[in-house]
Amino acid sequence: MLNNFKYHHLGIPTKEKRENEIYLEQFKTYVSGYNTSPFQIEWMRFEEDAPSPELVKTVPHLAFEVEDLNKAIEGRELLIAPNSPSPGILVAFIVDNGAPVEFLQIDRTVAKDV
């Protein structure tokens, strides 16, 4: 079932400030660690009024790169609808077994350092 899914990162919510955080204004979220972790572990710190669902703010998520985002989410419980957080990247979150899972469709001709 996961044949077309390629591991991308593990996102872990935190309330602690971390070194080298990057602020994502549209999500009111700080991220760090992805580019320095050999296992692509990403820490996520949310502002109180961040628009992300509570499940994403409180439970770690696995993220997988997929070739076709719409196909990957088809028939699954949608948590966050497909959106583009940055040029060349489409993402969506589903719920699987009570946990959030992120899918990313990446156009590597546009997106860099992903």
N, C-alpha and C. Protein backbone atom coordinates (compact mmCIF):
# COMPACT_ATOMS: atom_id res chain seq x y z
N MET A 1 0.82 -1.20 0.00
CA MET A 1 0.00 0.00 0.00
C MET A 1 0.86 1.26 0.00
N LEU A 2 2.05 1.21 0.57
CA LEU A 2 2.91 2.39 0.63
C LEU A 2 3.92 2.43 -0.52
N ASN A 3 3.73 1.62 -1.56
CA ASN A 3 4.70 1.54 -2.64
C ASN A 3 5.01 2.88 -3.29
N ASN A 4 4.01 3.75 -3.38
CA ASN A 4 4.21 5.03 -4.05
C ASN A 4 4.49 6.17 -3.08
N PHE A 5 4.73 5.85 -1.81
CA PHE A 5 5.00 6.87 -0.80
C PHE A 5 6.48 6.81 -0.43
N LYS A 6 7.14 7.97 -0.47
CA LYS A 6 8.55 8.05 -0.10
C LYS A 6 8.66 8.89 1.18
N TYR A 7 9.30 8.33 2.21
CA TYR A 7 9.47 9.07 3.47
C TYR A 7 10.07 10.44 3.18
N HIS A 8 9.52 11.47 3.83
CA HIS A 8 10.04 12.83 3.67
C HIS A 8 10.52 13.40 4.99
N HIS A 9 9.69 13.34 6.04
CA HIS A 9 10.13 13.85 7.35
C HIS A 9 9.20 13.37 8.46
N LEU A 10 9.66 13.59 9.67
CA LEU A 10 8.84 13.38 10.87
C LEU A 10 8.66 14.75 11.50
N GLY A 11 7.43 15.18 11.67
CA GLY A 11 7.13 16.47 12.29
C GLY A 11 6.71 16.27 13.73
N ILE A 12 7.38 16.99 14.64
CA ILE A 12 7.09 16.83 16.07
C ILE A 12 6.70 18.19 16.65
N PRO A 13 5.50 18.29 17.19
CA PRO A 13 5.09 19.54 17.84
C PRO A 13 5.89 19.76 19.12
N THR A 14 6.18 21.02 19.40
CA THR A 14 6.89 21.39 20.62
C THR A 14 6.39 22.75 21.08
N LYS A 15 6.56 23.02 22.35
CA LYS A 15 6.24 24.34 22.89
C LYS A 15 7.52 25.11 23.21
N GLU A 16 8.67 24.46 23.04
CA GLU A 16 9.96 25.06 23.35
C GLU A 16 10.57 25.74 22.13
N LYS A 17 11.13 26.93 22.34
CA LYS A 17 11.87 27.61 21.27
C LYS A 17 13.12 26.79 20.99
N ARG A 18 13.46 26.69 19.69
CA ARG A 18 14.64 25.93 19.29
C ARG A 18 15.52 26.82 18.43
N GLU A 19 16.77 26.44 18.33
CA GLU A 19 17.73 27.21 17.52
C GLU A 19 17.33 27.20 16.05
N ASN A 20 17.62 28.29 15.39
CA ASN A 20 17.45 28.42 13.94
C ASN A 20 16.02 28.16 13.45
N GLU A 21 15.04 28.60 14.22
CA GLU A 21 13.65 28.45 13.79
C GLU A 21 13.38 29.33 12.57
N ILE A 22 12.54 28.80 11.70
CA ILE A 22 12.07 29.55 10.53
C ILE A 22 10.58 29.80 10.76
N TYR A 23 10.16 31.05 10.61
CA TYR A 23 8.76 31.40 10.85
C TYR A 23 7.97 31.30 9.56
N LEU A 24 6.89 30.55 9.59
CA LEU A 24 5.96 30.44 8.46
C LEU A 24 4.73 31.27 8.79
N GLU A 25 4.73 32.51 8.32
CA GLU A 25 3.73 33.49 8.72
C GLU A 25 2.30 33.04 8.45
N GLN A 26 2.04 32.47 7.25
CA GLN A 26 0.67 32.09 6.92
C GLN A 26 0.12 30.99 7.82
N PHE A 27 1.02 30.23 8.48
CA PHE A 27 0.61 29.15 9.38
C PHE A 27 0.82 29.49 10.85
N LYS A 28 1.43 30.67 11.11
CA LYS A 28 1.74 31.09 12.47
C LYS A 28 2.49 29.98 13.21
N THR A 29 3.49 29.44 12.51
CA THR A 29 4.23 28.28 12.98
C THR A 29 5.73 28.49 12.76
N TYR A 30 6.51 28.03 13.72
CA TYR A 30 7.97 28.03 13.61
C TYR A 30 8.41 26.60 13.34
N VAL A 31 9.33 26.41 12.42
CA VAL A 31 9.87 25.07 12.14
C VAL A 31 11.38 25.11 12.26
N SER A 32 11.95 23.99 12.65
CA SER A 32 13.41 23.90 12.76
C SER A 32 13.85 22.45 12.69
N GLY A 33 15.12 22.27 12.37
CA GLY A 33 15.74 20.96 12.44
C GLY A 33 15.74 20.15 11.16
N TYR A 34 14.80 20.37 10.27
CA TYR A 34 14.68 19.53 9.08
C TYR A 34 15.98 19.49 8.28
N ASN A 35 16.55 20.64 8.02
CA ASN A 35 17.74 20.70 7.17
C ASN A 35 19.01 20.22 7.85
N THR A 36 19.00 20.06 9.16
CA THR A 36 20.21 19.63 9.86
C THR A 36 20.12 18.21 10.40
N SER A 37 18.97 17.59 10.31
CA SER A 37 18.78 16.23 10.82
C SER A 37 19.00 15.21 9.70
N PRO A 38 19.85 14.21 9.93
CA PRO A 38 20.04 13.19 8.89
C PRO A 38 18.77 12.35 8.66
N PHE A 39 17.82 12.44 9.58
CA PHE A 39 16.57 11.68 9.45
C PHE A 39 15.38 12.59 9.16
N GLN A 40 15.67 13.85 8.82
CA GLN A 40 14.65 14.84 8.48
C GLN A 40 13.61 14.98 9.59
N ILE A 41 14.09 15.14 10.82
CA ILE A 41 13.20 15.40 11.94
C ILE A 41 12.96 16.91 12.00
N GLU A 42 11.70 17.29 11.96
CA GLU A 42 11.31 18.70 11.95
C GLU A 42 10.52 19.01 13.21
N TRP A 43 10.98 20.01 13.95
CA TRP A 43 10.26 20.49 15.14
C TRP A 43 9.33 21.61 14.72
N MET A 44 8.13 21.62 15.27
CA MET A 44 7.12 22.61 14.91
C MET A 44 6.58 23.24 16.18
N ARG A 45 6.68 24.58 16.25
CA ARG A 45 6.15 25.32 17.40
C ARG A 45 5.08 26.27 16.89
N PHE A 46 3.91 26.17 17.45
CA PHE A 46 2.74 26.90 16.97
C PHE A 46 2.42 28.09 17.87
N GLU A 47 2.02 29.22 17.25
CA GLU A 47 1.47 30.32 18.03
C GLU A 47 0.09 29.89 18.53
N GLU A 48 -0.38 30.52 19.59
CA GLU A 48 -1.66 30.14 20.18
C GLU A 48 -2.81 30.14 19.17
N ASP A 49 -2.81 31.11 18.25
CA ASP A 49 -3.90 31.21 17.29
C ASP A 49 -3.56 30.64 15.91
N ALA A 50 -2.58 29.74 15.87
CA ALA A 50 -2.21 29.10 14.60
C ALA A 50 -3.43 28.36 14.05
N PRO A 51 -3.65 28.44 12.72
CA PRO A 51 -4.85 27.84 12.14
C PRO A 51 -4.81 26.32 11.97
N SER A 52 -3.72 25.67 12.32
CA SER A 52 -3.62 24.22 12.16
C SER A 52 -4.57 23.49 13.10
N PRO A 53 -5.07 22.33 12.67
CA PRO A 53 -5.94 21.53 13.55
C PRO A 53 -5.19 21.11 14.82
N GLU A 54 -5.94 20.92 15.88
CA GLU A 54 -5.36 20.54 17.17
C GLU A 54 -4.55 19.25 17.06
N LEU A 55 -4.99 18.33 16.24
CA LEU A 55 -4.27 17.06 16.07
C LEU A 55 -2.85 17.29 15.54
N VAL A 56 -2.69 18.22 14.62
CA VAL A 56 -1.36 18.54 14.07
C VAL A 56 -0.52 19.28 15.11
N LYS A 57 -1.17 20.09 15.94
CA LYS A 57 -0.45 20.86 16.96
C LYS A 57 0.01 20.00 18.14
N THR A 58 -0.58 18.82 18.30
CA THR A 58 -0.30 18.04 19.51
C THR A 58 0.24 16.63 19.28
N VAL A 59 0.13 16.11 18.07
CA VAL A 59 0.56 14.73 17.80
C VAL A 59 1.60 14.75 16.67
N PRO A 60 2.73 14.05 16.83
CA PRO A 60 3.72 13.98 15.75
C PRO A 60 3.08 13.39 14.48
N HIS A 61 3.64 13.80 13.33
CA HIS A 61 3.14 13.27 12.07
C HIS A 61 4.28 12.78 11.19
N LEU A 62 3.99 11.76 10.40
CA LEU A 62 4.89 11.32 9.36
C LEU A 62 4.50 12.02 8.08
N ALA A 63 5.50 12.32 7.25
CA ALA A 63 5.24 12.96 5.97
C ALA A 63 5.86 12.13 4.86
N PHE A 64 5.09 11.98 3.79
CA PHE A 64 5.54 11.19 2.65
C PHE A 64 5.43 12.02 1.38
N GLU A 65 6.43 11.89 0.52
CA GLU A 65 6.37 12.50 -0.80
C GLU A 65 5.60 11.56 -1.71
N VAL A 66 4.68 12.12 -2.48
CA VAL A 66 3.86 11.34 -3.40
C VAL A 66 3.91 11.98 -4.79
N GLU A 67 3.66 11.16 -5.80
CA GLU A 67 3.64 11.69 -7.17
C GLU A 67 2.34 12.42 -7.47
N ASP A 68 1.23 11.94 -6.91
CA ASP A 68 -0.08 12.51 -7.20
C ASP A 68 -0.83 12.71 -5.89
N LEU A 69 -0.87 13.95 -5.41
CA LEU A 69 -1.48 14.26 -4.12
C LEU A 69 -2.96 13.87 -4.08
N ASN A 70 -3.69 14.20 -5.12
CA ASN A 70 -5.12 13.89 -5.12
C ASN A 70 -5.37 12.39 -5.04
N LYS A 71 -4.57 11.61 -5.71
CA LYS A 71 -4.71 10.16 -5.66
C LYS A 71 -4.36 9.63 -4.27
N ALA A 72 -3.34 10.22 -3.63
CA ALA A 72 -2.90 9.78 -2.30
C ALA A 72 -3.97 10.01 -1.24
N ILE A 73 -4.75 11.08 -1.37
CA ILE A 73 -5.75 11.40 -0.34
C ILE A 73 -7.12 10.82 -0.67
N GLU A 74 -7.28 10.29 -1.86
CA GLU A 74 -8.57 9.76 -2.29
C GLU A 74 -9.07 8.68 -1.33
N GLY A 75 -10.30 8.85 -0.84
CA GLY A 75 -10.92 7.87 0.03
C GLY A 75 -10.41 7.87 1.46
N ARG A 76 -9.59 8.86 1.82
CA ARG A 76 -9.02 8.92 3.17
C ARG A 76 -9.68 10.06 3.95
N GLU A 77 -9.57 10.01 5.27
CA GLU A 77 -10.14 11.05 6.13
C GLU A 77 -9.26 12.30 6.04
N LEU A 78 -9.77 13.34 5.40
CA LEU A 78 -9.01 14.56 5.17
C LEU A 78 -8.97 15.43 6.43
N LEU A 79 -7.79 15.87 6.80
CA LEU A 79 -7.60 16.75 7.96
C LEU A 79 -7.31 18.18 7.50
N ILE A 80 -6.42 18.33 6.55
CA ILE A 80 -6.10 19.63 5.95
C ILE A 80 -6.17 19.47 4.43
N ALA A 81 -7.00 20.25 3.80
CA ALA A 81 -7.19 20.18 2.35
C ALA A 81 -5.90 20.55 1.62
N PRO A 82 -5.75 20.08 0.38
CA PRO A 82 -4.57 20.42 -0.40
C PRO A 82 -4.35 21.93 -0.46
N ASN A 83 -3.10 22.32 -0.25
CA ASN A 83 -2.72 23.74 -0.29
C ASN A 83 -1.26 23.82 -0.68
N SER A 84 -0.82 25.03 -0.99
CA SER A 84 0.56 25.24 -1.41
C SER A 84 1.26 26.17 -0.43
N PRO A 85 2.05 25.61 0.50
CA PRO A 85 2.74 26.44 1.48
C PRO A 85 3.91 27.23 0.89
N SER A 86 4.44 26.77 -0.25
CA SER A 86 5.51 27.48 -0.93
C SER A 86 5.53 27.03 -2.39
N PRO A 87 6.18 27.81 -3.27
CA PRO A 87 6.17 27.49 -4.69
C PRO A 87 6.68 26.07 -4.98
N GLY A 88 5.93 25.36 -5.79
CA GLY A 88 6.32 24.02 -6.21
C GLY A 88 5.96 22.91 -5.24
N ILE A 89 5.27 23.25 -4.16
CA ILE A 89 4.92 22.24 -3.16
C ILE A 89 3.41 22.27 -2.88
N LEU A 90 2.79 21.12 -3.00
CA LEU A 90 1.39 20.93 -2.62
C LEU A 90 1.38 19.97 -1.45
N VAL A 91 0.61 20.27 -0.41
CA VAL A 91 0.53 19.39 0.75
C VAL A 91 -0.93 19.19 1.15
N ALA A 92 -1.16 18.08 1.84
CA ALA A 92 -2.45 17.80 2.45
C ALA A 92 -2.18 16.87 3.62
N PHE A 93 -3.06 16.92 4.62
CA PHE A 93 -2.97 16.02 5.77
C PHE A 93 -4.21 15.14 5.82
N ILE A 94 -4.00 13.89 6.19
CA ILE A 94 -5.09 12.98 6.45
C ILE A 94 -4.96 12.49 7.89
N VAL A 95 -5.97 11.75 8.33
CA VAL A 95 -5.91 11.07 9.63
C VAL A 95 -5.87 9.58 9.34
N ASP A 96 -4.89 8.90 9.91
CA ASP A 96 -4.80 7.46 9.78
C ASP A 96 -4.59 6.85 11.16
N ASN A 97 -5.49 5.99 11.57
CA ASN A 97 -5.39 5.32 12.87
C ASN A 97 -5.26 6.34 14.01
N GLY A 98 -5.94 7.48 13.85
CA GLY A 98 -5.95 8.51 14.88
C GLY A 98 -4.78 9.47 14.85
N ALA A 99 -3.86 9.31 13.90
CA ALA A 99 -2.67 10.17 13.82
C ALA A 99 -2.66 10.96 12.51
N PRO A 100 -2.07 12.16 12.55
CA PRO A 100 -1.96 12.93 11.31
C PRO A 100 -0.85 12.38 10.41
N VAL A 101 -1.11 12.39 9.12
CA VAL A 101 -0.13 11.99 8.11
C VAL A 101 -0.15 13.07 7.04
N GLU A 102 1.03 13.51 6.64
CA GLU A 102 1.15 14.56 5.62
C GLU A 102 1.62 13.94 4.31
N PHE A 103 1.04 14.41 3.21
CA PHE A 103 1.50 14.04 1.88
C PHE A 103 1.99 15.31 1.19
N LEU A 104 3.12 15.20 0.49
CA LEU A 104 3.69 16.31 -0.25
C LEU A 104 3.87 15.91 -1.71
N GLN A 105 3.41 16.74 -2.61
CA GLN A 105 3.69 16.59 -4.03
C GLN A 105 4.64 17.72 -4.38
N ILE A 106 5.84 17.38 -4.84
CA ILE A 106 6.89 18.38 -5.02
C ILE A 106 7.30 18.48 -6.48
N ASP A 107 7.26 19.68 -7.00
CA ASP A 107 7.79 19.98 -8.33
C ASP A 107 9.22 20.48 -8.12
N ARG A 108 10.19 19.60 -8.30
CA ARG A 108 11.58 19.93 -7.99
C ARG A 108 12.21 20.91 -8.98
N THR A 109 11.53 21.23 -10.06
CA THR A 109 12.02 22.27 -10.95
C THR A 109 11.75 23.65 -10.36
N VAL A 110 10.82 23.71 -9.41
CA VAL A 110 10.44 24.97 -8.77
C VAL A 110 10.91 25.01 -7.31
N ALA A 111 10.62 23.96 -6.57
CA ALA A 111 10.94 23.89 -5.13
C ALA A 111 12.41 23.52 -4.95
N LYS A 112 13.06 24.19 -4.04
CA LYS A 112 14.48 23.93 -3.74
C LYS A 112 14.62 23.58 -2.28
N ASP A 113 15.66 22.81 -1.92
CA ASP A 113 15.97 22.45 -0.53
C ASP A 113 14.80 21.78 0.17
N VAL A 114 14.14 20.88 -0.50
CA VAL A 114 13.00 20.20 0.11
C VAL A 114 13.35 18.75 0.35
